[in-house]
């Protein structure tokens, strides 16, 4: 009997020593990015129902979790800015935990990272938000200069079915080009490529991660390039840093699913769901394990349309008090507009919409000249009662108001740079007045324009023409100050502009006016305490009845070409919007 037992044990040992059957483990990832406050299926700005939203995404993810409870849900930044409910939670109703934090916790996100518009809210908002999400905030390339260490944890490691998954979070390092130092005090933003190399190595050698995922709030490529940093580095990381199995990204508001050929001969999938919670990026990773060794990995991805996905009504009801408080805030009547204004004319000349902002900037600061760009592509404020909600169409971002000292020559060069981005050089009367591109028709920041529309600066306080038959750099002629004084290229003027531009955003002050980035802070002689929307609301409350009209201080010329061309371009760009 003892002999039989011994034989059985030997046989069992022999079976155990044989090669195990290969096992396939399936992992699922879902990413949201650039949500911009689209939490619920309701547009608080325009007071109407809307598609998409986190409430729809939560329903979608809950369905996935019924068959795969191990779904890894990732949020990729720019969640704190956009809809009025953000503004209300960030700056008005500050006694409660930020709604964006409560939503991340409710939806059971596994990790999240920062976006540039999250940093824009300031330390008091984004630090408290990050502390209350219930999941790790990942920022591998953000260093706390007081300690020399990471500001938050650089990566997170999750285990699913015995597979270790490392997620590295990073933010575009171009923050100093947009935001004043008080908003990111004690922080330093590192190059993403070098940071990725460092943490891929750590995940492989120290954490023994089987799957490595990037979570980057940085566009595919392009954007700002300086000697110190590049804005959009996702492609560079995918191309030059081996080790990633897939990369989720955002920031540039452009849906994309693309295999990138790495320089070592491999490939990596990058995915971007774009903005406003209309789509999610989803990826499946199949890991084959044999003899405790990973022998194969397969990655598949998709961009999923959630615009018409059913709404998670339970989630909406749980946050109904927040919704009601926000609606009470935005429905407050603050004044009356004697005419309807919209952004359409802002791209083709002096317009009531843009010039209303110019007037407020000049009146509030006493500056000589105001610089401003259309921050919305297709926004309208109708004749009649004006409410707080309208202000989120009139002024889209939480920029502050600044005044800089600039010479006349610098102002001219600044405008030349703006119109180089904006205006075409017409060779005939049949050419476009503005620079358009077929490639940007589906780009939610360019809308068919070749360049970013929020960098199309016009000026008030001066009278000038833009000759679209002239080459770039030679289009703008400043004739005089609007009060009749001579415009002097050598004189120094006080120039009002928003904090994004005053900090170097869009590179119009640097590449345009020629002011070194290091000198810009010393040029700022005034910075408002609150954001511009706050002051616009106060202005309307004070004046009550507003009749916004264009200043008519600048125009595209020659009129014999531009008049019909403008009509044609406007129809082409806005289509039925202006019928």
Protein backbone atom coordinates (compact mmCIF):
# COMPACT_ATOMS: atom_id res chain seq x y z
CA UNK A 1 0.00 0.00 0.00
CA UNK A 2 2.85 2.33 0.89
CA UNK A 3 4.43 1.49 -2.48
CA UNK A 4 1.23 2.47 -4.33
CA UNK A 5 1.05 5.79 -2.52
CA UNK A 6 4.70 6.49 -3.34
CA UNK A 7 4.03 5.74 -7.02
CA UNK A 8 1.02 8.11 -6.97
CA UNK A 9 3.09 10.91 -5.49
CA UNK A 10 5.82 10.41 -8.06
CA UNK A 11 3.25 10.45 -10.85
CA UNK A 12 1.71 13.67 -9.52
CA UNK A 13 5.12 15.32 -9.36
CA UNK A 14 5.79 14.27 -12.92
CA UNK A 15 2.50 15.85 -14.09
CA UNK A 16 3.27 19.02 -12.22
CA UNK A 17 6.63 19.29 -13.94
CA UNK A 18 5.07 19.09 -17.40
CA UNK A 19 4.37 22.28 -19.40
CA UNK A 20 1.16 23.94 -18.33
CA UNK A 21 -1.56 24.72 -20.82
CA UNK A 22 -1.38 28.32 -22.07
CA UNK A 23 -3.94 30.62 -20.44
CA UNK A 24 -5.38 33.80 -21.94
CA UNK A 25 -6.33 36.64 -19.61
CA UNK A 26 -8.49 39.49 -20.92
CA UNK A 27 -8.16 43.03 -19.56
CA UNK A 28 -10.45 45.96 -20.37
CA UNK A 29 -9.65 49.67 -20.05
CA UNK A 30 -11.95 52.70 -20.49
CA UNK A 31 -10.73 56.31 -20.61
CA UNK A 32 -12.50 59.64 -20.37
CA UNK A 33 -10.68 62.89 -21.16
CA UNK A 34 -11.45 66.59 -21.46
CA UNK A 35 -14.88 66.15 -19.91
CA UNK A 36 -15.06 69.92 -19.25
CA UNK A 37 -17.92 69.69 -16.79
CA UNK A 38 -20.25 67.65 -19.01
CA UNK A 39 -21.40 65.60 -16.05
CA UNK A 40 -25.10 65.38 -16.77
CA UNK A 41 -27.19 65.23 -19.97
CA UNK A 42 -27.93 68.92 -19.62
CA UNK A 43 -26.17 72.01 -20.94
CA UNK A 44 -26.30 74.58 -18.12
CA UNK A 45 -24.93 77.30 -20.40
CA UNK A 46 -27.60 77.04 -23.08
CA UNK A 47 -30.31 75.61 -20.82
CA UNK A 48 -31.12 72.56 -22.91
CA UNK A 49 -30.67 68.80 -23.04
CA UNK A 50 -27.41 67.48 -24.50
CA UNK A 51 -25.93 64.19 -25.64
CA UNK A 52 -23.10 62.39 -23.93
CA UNK A 53 -22.16 63.20 -20.29
CA UNK A 54 -20.65 61.20 -17.45
CA UNK A 55 -24.17 60.08 -16.54
CA UNK A 56 -24.35 58.21 -19.85
CA UNK A 57 -20.77 56.98 -19.56
CA UNK A 58 -21.48 55.58 -16.09
CA UNK A 59 -24.38 53.57 -17.50
CA UNK A 60 -22.11 52.27 -20.24
CA UNK A 61 -19.32 51.31 -17.82
CA UNK A 62 -21.78 49.65 -15.45
CA UNK A 63 -22.91 47.41 -18.31
CA UNK A 64 -19.29 46.46 -19.00
CA UNK A 65 -18.72 45.72 -15.32
CA UNK A 66 -21.59 43.21 -15.31
CA UNK A 67 -19.50 40.89 -17.47
CA UNK A 68 -16.06 42.15 -16.40
CA UNK A 69 -15.97 43.60 -12.89
CA UNK A 70 -12.25 44.25 -13.33
CA UNK A 71 -12.67 47.06 -15.87
CA UNK A 72 -10.01 49.72 -15.30
CA UNK A 73 -11.60 53.18 -15.60
CA UNK A 74 -9.23 56.13 -16.13
CA UNK A 75 -9.88 59.88 -16.19
CA UNK A 76 -7.41 62.02 -18.12
CA UNK A 77 -7.85 65.61 -16.98
CA UNK A 78 -9.62 68.87 -17.80
CA UNK A 79 -12.62 67.87 -15.76
CA UNK A 80 -12.69 70.97 -13.52
CA UNK A 81 -13.50 73.59 -16.18
CA UNK A 82 -16.14 74.04 -18.87
CA UNK A 83 -19.76 73.97 -17.76
CA UNK A 84 -21.20 76.46 -15.22
CA UNK A 85 -21.53 73.62 -12.71
CA UNK A 86 -17.71 73.61 -12.57
CA UNK A 87 -17.53 77.33 -11.93
CA UNK A 88 -20.22 77.10 -9.28
CA UNK A 89 -18.49 74.26 -7.45
CA UNK A 90 -14.97 75.68 -7.84
CA UNK A 91 -15.59 79.28 -6.86
CA UNK A 92 -19.13 79.89 -5.57
CA UNK A 93 -20.30 76.91 -3.49
CA UNK A 94 -16.93 76.18 -1.90
CA UNK A 95 -18.30 74.71 1.34
CA UNK A 96 -19.02 71.33 -0.26
CA UNK A 97 -16.55 68.81 -1.66
CA UNK A 98 -16.00 69.61 -5.33
CA UNK A 99 -18.59 67.90 -7.49
CA UNK A 100 -15.92 66.63 -9.90
CA UNK A 101 -14.25 64.79 -7.01
CA UNK A 102 -17.53 63.30 -5.83
CA UNK A 103 -18.35 62.11 -9.35
CA UNK A 104 -14.96 60.43 -9.83
CA UNK A 105 -15.46 58.65 -6.53
CA UNK A 106 -19.06 57.68 -7.34
CA UNK A 107 -18.10 56.25 -10.74
CA UNK A 108 -15.27 54.23 -9.16
CA UNK A 109 -12.47 55.52 -11.33
CA UNK A 110 -9.24 53.65 -10.73
CA UNK A 111 -6.91 56.63 -11.36
CA UNK A 112 -6.87 60.09 -12.85
CA UNK A 113 -4.39 62.71 -13.95
CA UNK A 114 -4.30 66.50 -14.24
CA UNK A 115 -5.26 68.66 -17.21
CA UNK A 116 -4.04 72.19 -17.87
CA UNK A 117 -7.52 73.59 -17.17
CA UNK A 118 -7.51 71.78 -13.84
CA UNK A 119 -4.30 73.59 -12.90
CA UNK A 120 -5.95 76.83 -14.07
CA UNK A 121 -8.36 76.68 -11.13
CA UNK A 122 -5.51 77.24 -8.66
CA UNK A 123 -4.05 75.21 -5.82
CA UNK A 124 -6.98 75.70 -3.45
CA UNK A 125 -9.34 74.06 -5.93
CA UNK A 126 -7.30 71.33 -7.59
CA UNK A 127 -5.46 70.18 -4.48
CA UNK A 128 -8.74 69.72 -2.60
CA UNK A 129 -10.29 68.01 -5.62
CA UNK A 130 -7.42 65.53 -5.93
CA UNK A 131 -7.60 64.73 -2.22
CA UNK A 132 -11.27 63.73 -2.45
CA UNK A 133 -11.53 61.58 -5.60
CA UNK A 134 -10.99 58.29 -3.80
CA UNK A 135 -8.37 57.16 -6.31
CA UNK A 136 -4.74 58.01 -7.14
CA UNK A 137 -3.82 61.26 -8.87
CA UNK A 138 -0.98 60.43 -11.25
CA UNK A 139 1.61 63.02 -12.27
CA UNK A 140 4.96 61.48 -13.11
CA UNK A 141 6.34 64.67 -14.64
CA UNK A 142 5.19 67.18 -11.99
CA UNK A 143 7.81 67.88 -9.33
CA UNK A 144 7.33 69.68 -6.04
CA UNK A 145 10.24 72.13 -6.04
CA UNK A 146 10.17 72.32 -2.23
CA UNK A 147 11.03 68.64 -1.86
CA UNK A 148 12.40 67.66 -5.27
CA UNK A 149 9.93 64.77 -5.28
CA UNK A 150 6.83 64.00 -7.30
CA UNK A 151 3.90 66.29 -6.45
CA UNK A 152 1.60 63.24 -6.44
CA UNK A 153 2.37 59.61 -7.09
CA UNK A 154 3.84 59.11 -10.59
CA UNK A 155 2.12 55.83 -11.37
CA UNK A 156 -0.29 53.26 -10.01
CA UNK A 157 -0.12 49.47 -10.13
CA UNK A 158 -3.26 47.34 -10.35
CA UNK A 159 -3.62 43.58 -10.39
CA UNK A 160 -6.22 41.78 -12.42
CA UNK A 161 -6.32 37.96 -12.57
CA UNK A 162 -2.69 37.74 -11.57
CA UNK A 163 -1.54 40.32 -14.16
CA UNK A 164 0.20 43.44 -12.84
CA UNK A 165 -0.77 46.62 -14.69
CA UNK A 166 1.20 49.83 -14.37
CA UNK A 167 -0.39 53.17 -15.33
CA UNK A 168 1.84 56.24 -15.77
CA UNK A 169 0.12 59.64 -15.69
CA UNK A 170 1.60 62.81 -17.19
CA UNK A 171 0.57 66.37 -18.03
CA UNK A 172 1.74 68.58 -20.88
CA UNK A 173 4.78 70.52 -19.63
CA UNK A 174 3.64 73.70 -21.39
CA UNK A 175 1.76 74.99 -18.32
CA UNK A 176 4.16 77.97 -17.85
CA UNK A 177 3.20 79.23 -21.31
CA UNK A 178 -0.42 79.67 -20.31
CA UNK A 179 -0.84 80.13 -16.59
CA UNK A 180 0.60 82.63 -14.13
CA UNK A 181 3.00 81.22 -11.55
CA UNK A 182 0.62 81.71 -8.62
CA UNK A 183 -1.60 78.98 -10.06
CA UNK A 184 1.21 76.40 -10.13
CA UNK A 185 3.50 77.71 -7.41
CA UNK A 186 6.18 75.26 -6.20
CA UNK A 187 5.66 73.02 -9.22
CA UNK A 188 7.96 72.09 -12.09
CA UNK A 189 6.86 70.30 -15.25
CA UNK A 190 9.32 67.86 -16.83
CA UNK A 191 9.75 66.62 -20.37
CA UNK A 192 7.41 63.72 -21.00
CA UNK A 193 9.77 61.58 -23.09
CA UNK A 194 12.53 61.47 -20.50
CA UNK A 195 10.00 61.00 -17.70
CA UNK A 196 8.38 58.11 -19.56
CA UNK A 197 11.74 56.37 -20.00
CA UNK A 198 12.40 56.64 -16.26
CA UNK A 199 9.09 55.22 -15.11
CA UNK A 200 8.77 52.48 -17.72
CA UNK A 201 12.09 51.19 -16.41
CA UNK A 202 10.88 51.41 -12.80
CA UNK A 203 7.64 49.60 -13.62
CA UNK A 204 9.50 46.83 -15.40
CA UNK A 205 12.46 46.35 -13.06
CA UNK A 206 11.03 47.23 -9.65
CA UNK A 207 7.27 46.71 -9.92
CA UNK A 208 7.52 43.81 -12.41
CA UNK A 209 4.52 45.15 -14.35
CA UNK A 210 3.20 42.85 -17.06
CA UNK A 211 1.23 45.57 -18.89
CA UNK A 212 2.16 49.27 -19.03
CA UNK A 213 -0.39 51.97 -19.90
CA UNK A 214 0.13 55.70 -20.50
CA UNK A 215 -2.42 58.27 -19.34
CA UNK A 216 -1.29 61.55 -20.88
CA UNK A 217 -2.99 64.94 -20.89
CA UNK A 218 -0.99 66.02 -23.91
CA UNK A 219 -2.00 66.08 -27.57
CA UNK A 220 -0.65 63.87 -30.31
CA UNK A 221 1.90 66.36 -31.64
CA UNK A 222 2.30 70.04 -32.50
CA UNK A 223 1.29 72.83 -30.17
CA UNK A 224 3.83 75.07 -28.46
CA UNK A 225 7.53 74.34 -29.00
CA UNK A 226 10.10 76.18 -26.90
CA UNK A 227 13.69 75.55 -25.85
CA UNK A 228 12.33 74.22 -22.56
CA UNK A 229 9.34 72.08 -23.52
CA UNK A 230 6.94 70.80 -26.18
CA UNK A 231 3.19 70.99 -25.61
CA UNK A 232 1.97 67.83 -27.35
CA UNK A 233 4.27 64.87 -26.74
CA UNK A 234 2.13 61.75 -27.02
CA UNK A 235 3.50 60.81 -30.44
CA UNK A 236 7.08 61.38 -29.28
CA UNK A 237 6.62 59.12 -26.26
CA UNK A 238 4.91 56.43 -28.33
CA UNK A 239 7.63 56.61 -30.98
CA UNK A 240 10.73 56.81 -28.81
CA UNK A 241 9.91 55.02 -25.54
CA UNK A 242 9.50 51.23 -25.81
CA UNK A 243 7.54 49.45 -23.11
CA UNK A 244 4.05 50.90 -23.39
CA UNK A 245 1.33 48.47 -24.43
CA UNK A 246 -1.14 51.30 -25.07
CA UNK A 247 -1.41 55.02 -24.44
CA UNK A 248 -4.57 56.95 -23.64
CA UNK A 249 -4.26 60.67 -24.26
CA UNK A 250 -6.24 63.90 -24.64
CA UNK A 251 -5.86 67.70 -24.53
CA UNK A 252 -6.16 68.40 -28.27
CA UNK A 253 -9.91 67.58 -28.44
CA UNK A 254 -9.47 65.37 -31.51
CA UNK A 255 -10.77 61.79 -31.65
CA UNK A 256 -8.05 59.40 -32.69
CA UNK A 257 -7.19 55.72 -32.69
CA UNK A 258 -3.82 55.02 -34.25
CA UNK A 259 -1.00 52.50 -34.24
CA UNK A 260 2.36 54.25 -33.90
CA UNK A 261 5.49 52.56 -35.25
CA UNK A 262 8.16 52.69 -32.57
CA UNK A 263 11.74 53.35 -33.54
CA UNK A 264 12.72 49.93 -32.16
CA UNK A 265 10.43 48.21 -34.67
CA UNK A 266 7.46 47.60 -32.40
CA UNK A 267 4.06 49.26 -32.36
CA UNK A 268 1.90 50.93 -29.74
CA UNK A 269 -1.76 51.92 -29.84
CA UNK A 270 -2.73 55.50 -28.92
CA UNK A 271 -6.36 56.50 -28.25
CA UNK A 272 -8.08 59.86 -27.70
CA UNK A 273 -11.85 60.15 -27.07
CA UNK A 274 -11.87 63.94 -27.63
CA UNK A 275 -13.91 66.23 -25.42
CA UNK A 276 -17.21 66.86 -23.64
CA UNK A 277 -17.95 63.23 -22.69
CA UNK A 278 -19.37 62.38 -26.10
CA UNK A 279 -17.08 59.39 -26.62
CA UNK A 280 -14.89 57.11 -24.54
CA UNK A 281 -11.67 55.37 -25.51
CA UNK A 282 -11.79 51.64 -24.84
CA UNK A 283 -9.05 49.03 -25.15
CA UNK A 284 -8.82 45.27 -24.66
CA UNK A 285 -5.53 43.58 -23.84
CA UNK A 286 -5.27 39.80 -24.15
CA UNK A 287 -2.33 38.38 -22.23
CA UNK A 288 -1.26 34.79 -22.92
CA UNK A 289 0.57 33.07 -20.06
CA UNK A 290 2.36 29.74 -20.27
CA UNK A 291 4.55 28.26 -17.56
CA UNK A 292 4.10 31.51 -15.58
CA UNK A 293 5.66 33.43 -18.45
CA UNK A 294 3.83 35.90 -20.71
CA UNK A 295 4.24 34.58 -24.23
CA UNK A 296 1.98 36.98 -26.11
CA UNK A 297 -0.01 40.20 -25.79
CA UNK A 298 -2.68 41.43 -28.13
CA UNK A 299 -4.15 44.93 -27.98
CA UNK A 300 -7.35 46.13 -29.60
CA UNK A 301 -8.97 49.53 -29.25
CA UNK A 302 -12.05 51.47 -30.20
CA UNK A 303 -13.57 54.91 -29.77
CA UNK A 304 -17.12 54.40 -28.49
CA UNK A 305 -19.92 56.87 -29.19
CA UNK A 306 -21.90 57.41 -25.98
CA UNK A 307 -23.91 60.42 -27.14
CA UNK A 308 -27.16 58.46 -27.09
CA UNK A 309 -26.34 55.85 -24.47
CA UNK A 310 -29.07 55.57 -21.78
CA UNK A 311 -28.67 57.91 -18.82
CA UNK A 312 -27.87 56.56 -15.37
CA UNK A 313 -30.94 58.07 -13.73
CA UNK A 314 -29.86 56.91 -10.27
CA UNK A 315 -26.66 58.90 -10.62
CA UNK A 316 -28.56 61.99 -11.77
CA UNK A 317 -30.98 61.75 -8.86
CA UNK A 318 -28.13 61.46 -6.36
CA UNK A 319 -26.65 64.71 -7.65
CA UNK A 320 -29.98 66.49 -8.17
CA UNK A 321 -29.29 69.00 -5.41
CA UNK A 322 -26.09 70.07 -7.18
CA UNK A 323 -28.01 70.41 -10.43
CA UNK A 324 -30.72 72.52 -8.78
CA UNK A 325 -28.19 74.80 -7.07
CA UNK A 326 -26.36 75.37 -10.33
CA UNK A 327 -29.58 76.12 -12.20
CA UNK A 328 -30.56 78.67 -9.57
CA UNK A 329 -27.18 80.31 -10.05
CA UNK A 330 -27.16 80.46 -13.86
CA UNK A 331 -30.81 81.50 -14.22
CA UNK A 332 -30.27 84.69 -12.26
CA UNK A 333 -31.22 87.66 -14.50
CA UNK A 334 -28.49 90.31 -14.51
CA UNK A 335 -29.48 92.74 -17.27
CA UNK A 336 -30.96 93.31 -20.71
CA UNK A 337 -29.42 93.31 -24.23
CA UNK A 338 -31.02 95.56 -26.83
CA UNK A 339 -29.83 93.36 -29.70
CA UNK A 340 -28.73 89.81 -30.44
CA UNK A 341 -24.99 89.29 -30.77
CA UNK A 342 -23.02 86.27 -31.91
CA UNK A 343 -19.45 85.23 -32.64
CA UNK A 344 -19.80 84.82 -36.41
CA UNK A 345 -18.77 88.37 -37.30
CA UNK A 346 -15.79 88.19 -34.92
CA UNK A 347 -13.78 86.23 -37.46
CA UNK A 348 -14.31 88.77 -40.26
CA UNK A 349 -13.98 92.20 -38.71
CA UNK A 350 -14.98 94.41 -35.84
CA UNK A 351 -17.98 92.79 -34.12
CA UNK A 352 -20.40 93.61 -31.32
CA UNK A 353 -19.59 90.33 -29.55
CA UNK A 354 -15.82 90.78 -29.34
CA UNK A 355 -15.97 94.54 -28.95
CA UNK A 356 -18.19 94.27 -25.88
CA UNK A 357 -15.26 92.57 -24.16
CA UNK A 358 -12.88 95.23 -25.52
CA UNK A 359 -15.04 97.98 -24.05
CA UNK A 360 -15.10 96.38 -20.61
CA UNK A 361 -11.34 95.75 -20.63
CA UNK A 362 -10.62 99.36 -21.53
CA UNK A 363 -13.11 100.83 -19.07
CA UNK A 364 -12.09 98.61 -16.19
CA UNK A 365 -8.32 99.12 -16.52
CA UNK A 366 -7.95 102.54 -18.12
CA UNK A 367 -5.57 100.94 -20.63
CA UNK A 368 -4.73 102.61 -23.95
CA UNK A 369 -5.34 99.48 -26.02
CA UNK A 370 -7.29 96.27 -25.55
CA UNK A 371 -6.43 92.91 -27.11
CA UNK A 372 -8.99 90.12 -27.27
CA UNK A 373 -9.83 87.00 -29.28
CA UNK A 374 -13.12 85.13 -29.86
CA UNK A 375 -13.07 82.32 -27.29
CA UNK A 376 -16.12 80.53 -28.69
CA UNK A 377 -16.73 79.44 -32.26
CA UNK A 378 -20.51 79.55 -32.39
CA UNK A 379 -22.00 81.45 -29.46
CA UNK A 380 -25.08 83.68 -29.38
CA UNK A 381 -26.60 85.97 -26.78
CA UNK A 382 -30.14 86.85 -27.75
CA UNK A 383 -31.89 90.16 -27.45
CA UNK A 384 -33.77 90.46 -24.19
CA UNK A 385 -33.07 89.49 -20.59
CA UNK A 386 -29.50 88.34 -19.95
CA UNK A 387 -28.74 85.69 -17.38
CA UNK A 388 -25.59 84.40 -15.69
CA UNK A 389 -25.72 81.40 -18.04
CA UNK A 390 -25.18 83.73 -21.02
CA UNK A 391 -21.85 84.79 -19.56
CA UNK A 392 -20.44 81.32 -20.18
CA UNK A 393 -21.11 81.88 -23.88
CA UNK A 394 -19.81 85.43 -23.80
CA UNK A 395 -16.61 84.47 -21.99
CA UNK A 396 -15.70 80.81 -22.03
CA UNK A 397 -12.68 80.57 -19.73
CA UNK A 398 -11.78 81.62 -16.19
CA UNK A 399 -9.03 83.99 -17.36
CA UNK A 400 -8.10 87.00 -15.29
CA UNK A 401 -7.58 90.49 -16.72
CA UNK A 402 -4.06 91.91 -17.01
CA UNK A 403 -2.38 95.06 -18.25
CA UNK A 404 1.07 94.93 -19.86
CA UNK A 405 3.44 97.63 -20.98
CA UNK A 406 4.22 97.31 -24.71
CA UNK A 407 5.77 99.58 -27.28
CA UNK A 408 3.84 100.56 -30.37
CA UNK A 409 6.18 98.44 -32.48
CA UNK A 410 5.53 95.40 -30.27
CA UNK A 411 1.79 95.92 -30.55
CA UNK A 412 2.05 96.02 -34.34
CA UNK A 413 4.17 92.86 -34.44
CA UNK A 414 1.75 91.14 -32.06
CA UNK A 415 -1.13 91.91 -34.41
CA UNK A 416 0.87 90.87 -37.46
CA UNK A 417 1.45 87.48 -35.85
CA UNK A 418 -2.26 87.16 -35.03
CA UNK A 419 -3.39 87.94 -38.55
CA UNK A 420 -0.70 85.69 -40.02
CA UNK A 421 -2.43 82.84 -38.18
CA UNK A 422 -5.86 84.10 -39.14
CA UNK A 423 -5.94 85.86 -42.51
CA UNK A 424 -5.17 84.38 -45.90
CA UNK A 425 -3.04 86.14 -48.51
CA UNK A 426 -5.53 86.58 -51.33
CA UNK A 427 -4.19 86.20 -54.86
CA UNK A 428 -7.55 86.93 -56.47
CA UNK A 429 -11.05 87.99 -55.49
CA UNK A 430 -12.05 84.30 -55.48
CA UNK A 431 -9.63 83.35 -52.71
CA UNK A 432 -10.56 82.85 -49.05
CA UNK A 433 -10.20 85.84 -46.73
CA UNK A 434 -9.32 83.58 -43.79
CA UNK A 435 -7.03 80.57 -43.65
CA UNK A 436 -9.09 77.39 -43.92
CA UNK A 437 -8.12 73.72 -43.93
CA UNK A 438 -10.03 70.61 -44.93
CA UNK A 439 -8.01 68.67 -42.35
CA UNK A 440 -9.45 70.57 -39.37
CA UNK A 441 -13.15 70.30 -40.13
CA UNK A 442 -13.61 67.78 -37.29
CA UNK A 443 -11.14 69.44 -34.95
CA UNK A 444 -13.02 70.86 -31.97
CA UNK A 445 -10.50 73.67 -31.53
CA UNK A 446 -10.08 74.82 -35.14
CA UNK A 447 -13.50 74.18 -36.73
CA UNK A 448 -12.14 74.25 -40.27
CA UNK A 449 -9.69 77.10 -39.69
CA UNK A 450 -6.03 76.31 -40.24
CA UNK A 451 -5.06 77.57 -36.78
CA UNK A 452 -6.54 77.85 -33.30
CA UNK A 453 -9.29 80.47 -33.26
CA UNK A 454 -8.65 81.56 -29.67
CA UNK A 455 -5.37 83.03 -30.91
CA UNK A 456 -7.11 85.37 -33.39
CA UNK A 457 -6.42 88.60 -31.51
CA UNK A 458 -7.98 91.87 -32.59
CA UNK A 459 -7.39 95.21 -30.90
CA UNK A 460 -9.43 98.18 -29.71
CA UNK A 461 -8.20 101.66 -28.88
CA UNK A 462 -6.51 101.91 -32.28
CA UNK A 463 -7.77 102.32 -35.84
CA UNK A 464 -6.23 99.87 -38.31
CA UNK A 465 -6.64 97.90 -41.52
CA UNK A 466 -5.62 94.38 -42.49
CA UNK A 467 -4.69 94.14 -46.17
CA UNK A 468 -5.21 90.53 -47.21
CA UNK A 469 -3.38 91.06 -50.51
CA UNK A 470 -0.14 91.65 -48.58
CA UNK A 471 2.24 88.86 -47.44
CA UNK A 472 2.42 87.63 -43.86
CA UNK A 473 4.08 90.13 -41.59
CA UNK A 474 3.03 93.06 -43.77
CA UNK A 475 -0.76 93.01 -43.54
CA UNK A 476 -1.51 95.40 -40.64
CA UNK A 477 -1.46 99.20 -40.92
CA UNK A 478 -2.21 101.13 -37.72
CA UNK A 479 -3.48 104.58 -38.67
CA UNK A 480 -4.04 106.26 -35.30
CA UNK A 481 -5.31 105.87 -31.77
CA UNK A 482 -9.10 105.78 -31.54
CA UNK A 483 -9.12 109.01 -29.52
CA UNK A 484 -7.40 110.80 -32.40
CA UNK A 485 -3.86 110.74 -31.04
CA UNK A 486 -0.99 109.66 -33.24
CA UNK A 487 0.05 106.04 -32.88
CA UNK A 488 3.76 106.04 -32.11
CA UNK A 489 5.78 102.83 -32.68
CA UNK A 490 8.38 104.03 -30.17
CA UNK A 491 5.92 105.02 -27.43
CA UNK A 492 4.99 102.73 -24.53
CA UNK A 493 1.31 101.86 -24.12
CA UNK A 494 -0.76 100.13 -21.47
CA UNK A 495 -2.36 97.09 -23.11
CA UNK A 496 -5.23 95.13 -21.54
CA UNK A 497 -5.52 91.42 -22.29
CA UNK A 498 -6.53 88.20 -20.58
CA UNK A 499 -4.12 86.29 -18.34
CA UNK A 500 -3.67 83.47 -20.86
CA UNK A 501 -2.26 85.90 -23.39
CA UNK A 502 -0.43 87.96 -20.76
CA UNK A 503 1.40 84.85 -19.64
CA UNK A 504 2.60 84.12 -23.18
CA UNK A 505 -0.24 81.84 -24.28
CA UNK A 506 -0.43 81.39 -28.04
CA UNK A 507 3.12 82.77 -28.35
CA UNK A 508 1.84 86.06 -29.74
CA UNK A 509 3.88 88.04 -27.24
CA UNK A 510 7.01 85.96 -27.81
CA UNK A 511 7.04 84.92 -31.47
CA UNK A 512 4.88 87.90 -32.43
CA UNK A 513 5.85 90.94 -30.38
CA UNK A 514 9.33 89.56 -29.82
CA UNK A 515 9.24 89.85 -26.03
CA UNK A 516 11.38 87.14 -24.36
CA UNK A 517 9.26 84.88 -22.17
CA UNK A 518 11.46 85.68 -19.18
CA UNK A 519 10.64 89.41 -19.53
CA UNK A 520 6.86 89.08 -19.76
CA UNK A 521 6.17 88.96 -15.98
CA UNK A 522 8.02 92.25 -15.51
CA UNK A 523 5.77 93.89 -18.12
CA UNK A 524 2.58 93.11 -16.15
CA UNK A 525 1.48 96.16 -14.17
CA UNK A 526 -2.00 94.95 -13.25
CA UNK A 527 -3.64 91.58 -12.63
CA UNK A 528 -7.28 91.31 -11.53
CA UNK A 529 -8.26 89.50 -8.35
CA UNK A 530 -11.14 87.61 -9.94
CA UNK A 531 -11.76 86.07 -13.34
CA UNK A 532 -13.07 88.18 -16.22
CA UNK A 533 -16.49 86.60 -16.18
CA UNK A 534 -16.96 87.93 -12.65
CA UNK A 535 -16.28 91.48 -13.82
CA UNK A 536 -18.45 91.15 -16.91
CA UNK A 537 -21.36 90.10 -14.68
CA UNK A 538 -20.71 93.08 -12.41
CA UNK A 539 -20.55 95.41 -15.43
CA UNK A 540 -23.91 94.23 -16.78
CA UNK A 541 -25.53 94.44 -13.35
CA UNK A 542 -24.28 98.01 -13.03
CA UNK A 543 -25.41 99.20 -16.48
CA UNK A 544 -28.53 96.99 -16.68
CA UNK A 545 -29.58 97.95 -20.23
CA UNK A 546 -26.82 97.20 -22.74
CA UNK A 547 -26.83 97.97 -26.46
CA UNK A 548 -23.68 96.19 -27.70
CA UNK A 549 -22.40 97.56 -31.01
CA UNK A 550 -19.23 97.05 -33.03
CA UNK A 551 -16.53 99.66 -32.60
CA UNK A 552 -15.78 99.51 -36.34
CA UNK A 553 -12.16 100.36 -35.67
CA UNK A 554 -10.64 97.71 -37.98
CA UNK A 555 -11.46 95.94 -41.23
CA UNK A 556 -10.15 93.60 -43.88
CA UNK A 557 -9.20 95.40 -47.10
CA UNK A 558 -9.34 95.92 -50.06
CA UNK A 559 -13.12 96.08 -49.83
CA UNK A 560 -13.61 95.33 -53.56
CA UNK A 561 -12.27 91.82 -52.83
CA UNK A 562 -13.10 91.25 -49.21
CA UNK A 563 -16.79 92.17 -49.12
CA UNK A 564 -17.99 89.25 -51.22
CA UNK A 565 -15.22 86.96 -50.01
CA UNK A 566 -16.31 87.47 -46.40
CA UNK A 567 -19.90 86.62 -47.28
CA UNK A 568 -18.70 83.49 -49.06
CA UNK A 569 -16.33 82.40 -46.28
CA UNK A 570 -18.88 83.01 -43.57
CA UNK A 571 -21.41 80.86 -45.38
CA UNK A 572 -18.83 78.16 -45.94
CA UNK A 573 -17.71 78.08 -42.29
CA UNK A 574 -21.03 78.43 -40.52
CA UNK A 575 -23.33 76.93 -43.14
CA UNK A 576 -26.90 76.63 -41.97
CA UNK A 577 -25.98 78.30 -38.70
CA UNK A 578 -26.43 81.67 -40.40
CA UNK A 579 -29.40 80.85 -42.63
